[in-house]
N, C-alpha and C. Protein backbone atom coordinates (compact mmCIF):
# COMPACT_ATOMS: atom_id res chain seq x y z
N UNK A 1 8.10 70.41 -34.39
CA UNK A 1 8.53 69.71 -35.56
C UNK A 1 7.58 70.07 -36.71
N UNK A 2 8.14 70.35 -37.86
CA UNK A 2 7.28 70.67 -39.00
C UNK A 2 6.83 69.38 -39.68
N UNK A 3 5.90 69.52 -40.59
CA UNK A 3 5.31 68.36 -41.26
C UNK A 3 6.33 67.55 -42.05
N UNK A 4 7.34 68.19 -42.62
CA UNK A 4 8.32 67.51 -43.47
C UNK A 4 9.52 66.97 -42.71
N UNK A 5 9.65 67.27 -41.44
CA UNK A 5 10.80 66.81 -40.67
C UNK A 5 10.65 65.35 -40.28
N UNK A 6 11.79 64.67 -40.23
CA UNK A 6 11.81 63.30 -39.72
C UNK A 6 11.62 63.36 -38.21
N UNK A 7 10.83 62.44 -37.65
CA UNK A 7 10.67 62.45 -36.18
C UNK A 7 11.98 62.12 -35.49
N UNK A 8 12.26 62.79 -34.39
CA UNK A 8 13.47 62.52 -33.63
C UNK A 8 13.18 61.42 -32.63
N UNK A 9 14.14 60.51 -32.49
CA UNK A 9 14.02 59.42 -31.54
C UNK A 9 15.08 59.64 -30.46
N UNK A 10 14.66 59.62 -29.19
CA UNK A 10 15.56 59.82 -28.06
C UNK A 10 15.83 58.48 -27.40
N UNK A 11 17.10 58.13 -27.25
CA UNK A 11 17.52 56.89 -26.59
C UNK A 11 16.89 55.64 -27.21
N UNK A 12 16.63 55.69 -28.51
CA UNK A 12 16.06 54.56 -29.25
C UNK A 12 14.72 54.09 -28.68
N UNK A 13 14.03 54.95 -27.93
CA UNK A 13 12.79 54.54 -27.29
C UNK A 13 11.66 55.56 -27.42
N UNK A 14 11.98 56.84 -27.36
CA UNK A 14 10.94 57.86 -27.31
C UNK A 14 10.94 58.69 -28.59
N UNK A 15 9.80 58.71 -29.28
CA UNK A 15 9.66 59.55 -30.47
C UNK A 15 9.13 60.90 -30.01
N UNK A 16 9.90 61.94 -30.30
CA UNK A 16 9.52 63.28 -29.87
C UNK A 16 8.41 63.81 -30.78
N UNK A 17 7.29 64.17 -30.14
CA UNK A 17 6.15 64.73 -30.86
C UNK A 17 6.28 66.24 -30.93
N UNK A 18 6.54 66.86 -29.76
CA UNK A 18 6.73 68.32 -29.75
C UNK A 18 7.37 68.74 -28.43
N UNK A 19 7.98 69.91 -28.46
CA UNK A 19 8.56 70.51 -27.26
C UNK A 19 7.43 71.16 -26.49
N UNK A 20 7.37 70.87 -25.18
CA UNK A 20 6.33 71.46 -24.33
C UNK A 20 6.81 72.71 -23.63
N UNK A 21 8.10 72.74 -23.27
CA UNK A 21 8.62 73.90 -22.57
C UNK A 21 10.02 73.64 -22.04
N UNK A 22 10.63 74.67 -21.50
CA UNK A 22 11.98 74.56 -20.96
C UNK A 22 12.07 75.37 -19.68
N UNK A 23 12.93 74.93 -18.78
CA UNK A 23 13.11 75.62 -17.51
C UNK A 23 14.57 75.58 -17.10
N UNK A 24 14.81 75.81 -15.81
CA UNK A 24 16.18 75.87 -15.31
C UNK A 24 16.92 74.55 -15.44
N UNK A 25 16.20 73.43 -15.32
CA UNK A 25 16.85 72.13 -15.27
C UNK A 25 16.86 71.40 -16.60
N UNK A 26 16.06 71.80 -17.55
CA UNK A 26 16.03 71.07 -18.80
C UNK A 26 14.83 71.43 -19.65
N UNK A 27 14.50 70.52 -20.56
CA UNK A 27 13.43 70.73 -21.52
C UNK A 27 12.45 69.57 -21.45
N UNK A 28 11.16 69.87 -21.52
CA UNK A 28 10.12 68.84 -21.48
C UNK A 28 9.54 68.66 -22.88
N UNK A 29 9.36 67.40 -23.26
CA UNK A 29 8.82 67.05 -24.57
C UNK A 29 7.63 66.12 -24.43
N UNK A 30 6.67 66.26 -25.31
CA UNK A 30 5.63 65.26 -25.47
C UNK A 30 6.23 64.20 -26.38
N UNK A 31 6.21 62.95 -25.93
CA UNK A 31 6.80 61.85 -26.69
C UNK A 31 5.83 60.68 -26.75
N UNK A 32 6.12 59.75 -27.64
CA UNK A 32 5.44 58.46 -27.61
C UNK A 32 6.48 57.42 -27.27
N UNK A 33 6.12 56.51 -26.39
CA UNK A 33 7.02 55.45 -25.93
C UNK A 33 6.92 54.29 -26.91
N UNK A 34 7.96 54.06 -27.67
CA UNK A 34 7.95 53.02 -28.70
C UNK A 34 7.94 51.62 -28.12
N UNK A 35 8.29 51.48 -26.84
CA UNK A 35 8.31 50.17 -26.20
C UNK A 35 6.98 49.84 -25.51
N UNK A 36 6.10 50.81 -25.37
CA UNK A 36 4.83 50.60 -24.68
C UNK A 36 3.68 51.06 -25.59
N UNK A 37 3.46 50.35 -26.67
CA UNK A 37 2.32 50.60 -27.57
C UNK A 37 2.17 52.08 -27.97
N UNK A 38 3.26 52.75 -28.21
CA UNK A 38 3.23 54.16 -28.59
C UNK A 38 2.47 55.02 -27.60
N UNK A 39 2.55 54.66 -26.34
CA UNK A 39 1.86 55.40 -25.28
C UNK A 39 2.42 56.81 -25.16
N UNK A 40 1.55 57.84 -25.08
CA UNK A 40 2.05 59.21 -24.92
C UNK A 40 2.59 59.43 -23.51
N UNK A 41 3.70 60.13 -23.44
CA UNK A 41 4.34 60.45 -22.16
C UNK A 41 4.99 61.82 -22.27
N UNK A 42 5.42 62.33 -21.13
CA UNK A 42 6.21 63.55 -21.10
C UNK A 42 7.61 63.16 -20.67
N UNK A 43 8.60 63.60 -21.43
CA UNK A 43 10.00 63.30 -21.15
C UNK A 43 10.71 64.60 -20.81
N UNK A 44 11.40 64.62 -19.68
CA UNK A 44 12.18 65.79 -19.30
C UNK A 44 13.66 65.46 -19.49
N UNK A 45 14.31 66.20 -20.35
CA UNK A 45 15.74 66.01 -20.62
C UNK A 45 16.49 67.05 -19.79
N UNK A 46 17.31 66.55 -18.87
CA UNK A 46 18.03 67.41 -17.93
C UNK A 46 19.47 67.57 -18.40
N UNK A 47 19.98 68.80 -18.35
CA UNK A 47 21.34 69.11 -18.78
C UNK A 47 22.25 69.24 -17.56
N UNK A 48 22.58 68.13 -16.93
CA UNK A 48 23.37 68.18 -15.70
C UNK A 48 24.75 68.80 -15.90
N UNK A 49 25.38 68.55 -17.01
CA UNK A 49 26.72 69.07 -17.27
C UNK A 49 26.79 70.58 -17.36
N UNK A 50 25.67 71.23 -17.62
CA UNK A 50 25.63 72.68 -17.76
C UNK A 50 25.23 73.39 -16.48
N UNK A 51 25.00 72.64 -15.40
CA UNK A 51 24.53 73.23 -14.14
C UNK A 51 25.68 73.42 -13.17
N UNK A 52 25.50 74.41 -12.28
CA UNK A 52 26.46 74.53 -11.19
C UNK A 52 26.09 73.52 -10.11
N UNK A 53 26.88 73.44 -9.06
CA UNK A 53 26.68 72.42 -8.02
C UNK A 53 25.30 72.52 -7.36
N UNK A 54 24.87 73.74 -7.04
CA UNK A 54 23.56 73.92 -6.39
C UNK A 54 22.41 73.48 -7.30
N UNK A 55 22.50 73.81 -8.58
CA UNK A 55 21.46 73.42 -9.51
C UNK A 55 21.41 71.90 -9.68
N UNK A 56 22.57 71.26 -9.68
CA UNK A 56 22.63 69.81 -9.78
C UNK A 56 21.95 69.16 -8.58
N UNK A 57 22.25 69.67 -7.39
CA UNK A 57 21.62 69.14 -6.17
C UNK A 57 20.10 69.34 -6.24
N UNK A 58 19.66 70.52 -6.66
CA UNK A 58 18.22 70.79 -6.77
C UNK A 58 17.55 69.87 -7.79
N UNK A 59 18.22 69.63 -8.89
CA UNK A 59 17.67 68.77 -9.93
C UNK A 59 17.52 67.33 -9.45
N UNK A 60 18.53 66.83 -8.76
CA UNK A 60 18.47 65.47 -8.21
C UNK A 60 17.37 65.39 -7.16
N UNK A 61 17.27 66.41 -6.33
CA UNK A 61 16.22 66.45 -5.29
C UNK A 61 14.83 66.43 -5.93
N UNK A 62 14.65 67.20 -6.99
CA UNK A 62 13.37 67.22 -7.69
C UNK A 62 13.03 65.83 -8.25
N UNK A 63 14.00 65.17 -8.86
CA UNK A 63 13.76 63.84 -9.43
C UNK A 63 13.40 62.84 -8.33
N UNK A 64 14.10 62.90 -7.21
CA UNK A 64 13.81 61.99 -6.10
C UNK A 64 12.41 62.24 -5.53
N UNK A 65 12.07 63.50 -5.36
CA UNK A 65 10.75 63.85 -4.84
C UNK A 65 9.64 63.36 -5.77
N UNK A 66 9.78 63.63 -7.06
CA UNK A 66 8.76 63.22 -8.02
C UNK A 66 8.64 61.70 -8.13
N UNK A 67 9.75 60.99 -7.97
CA UNK A 67 9.70 59.53 -8.07
C UNK A 67 8.93 58.91 -6.91
N UNK A 68 8.81 59.63 -5.80
CA UNK A 68 8.10 59.12 -4.63
C UNK A 68 6.63 59.53 -4.57
N UNK A 69 6.20 60.40 -5.48
CA UNK A 69 4.81 60.83 -5.53
C UNK A 69 4.02 59.93 -6.47
N UNK A 70 2.82 59.58 -6.07
CA UNK A 70 1.97 58.72 -6.89
C UNK A 70 0.62 59.41 -7.07
N UNK A 71 0.39 59.86 -8.30
CA UNK A 71 -0.83 60.57 -8.63
C UNK A 71 -1.09 60.36 -10.12
N UNK A 72 -2.34 60.25 -10.50
CA UNK A 72 -2.65 60.00 -11.90
C UNK A 72 -2.20 61.12 -12.83
N UNK A 73 -1.92 62.30 -12.29
CA UNK A 73 -1.51 63.43 -13.11
C UNK A 73 0.00 63.64 -13.13
N UNK A 74 0.75 62.79 -12.45
CA UNK A 74 2.21 62.86 -12.47
C UNK A 74 2.72 61.74 -13.37
N UNK A 75 3.44 62.12 -14.41
CA UNK A 75 3.96 61.15 -15.36
C UNK A 75 5.17 60.45 -14.76
N UNK A 76 5.20 59.14 -14.89
CA UNK A 76 6.35 58.36 -14.41
C UNK A 76 7.16 57.89 -15.57
């Protein structure tokens, strides 16, 4: 985002600070959580509608796996 651009808000909750990267399943952004004291977080936006069946299964599997891991370096 350039200095003159309006900040983008995702789902009325996350203010996008910058794009961190993109991969097969979606795009990761550095955001601030407007509901939790502007806490910095990483948000991954997944494009399920653009995936084939195998990619959708892999994406869901990745989300399930990550939701069960507990580590200070894994963003929830």
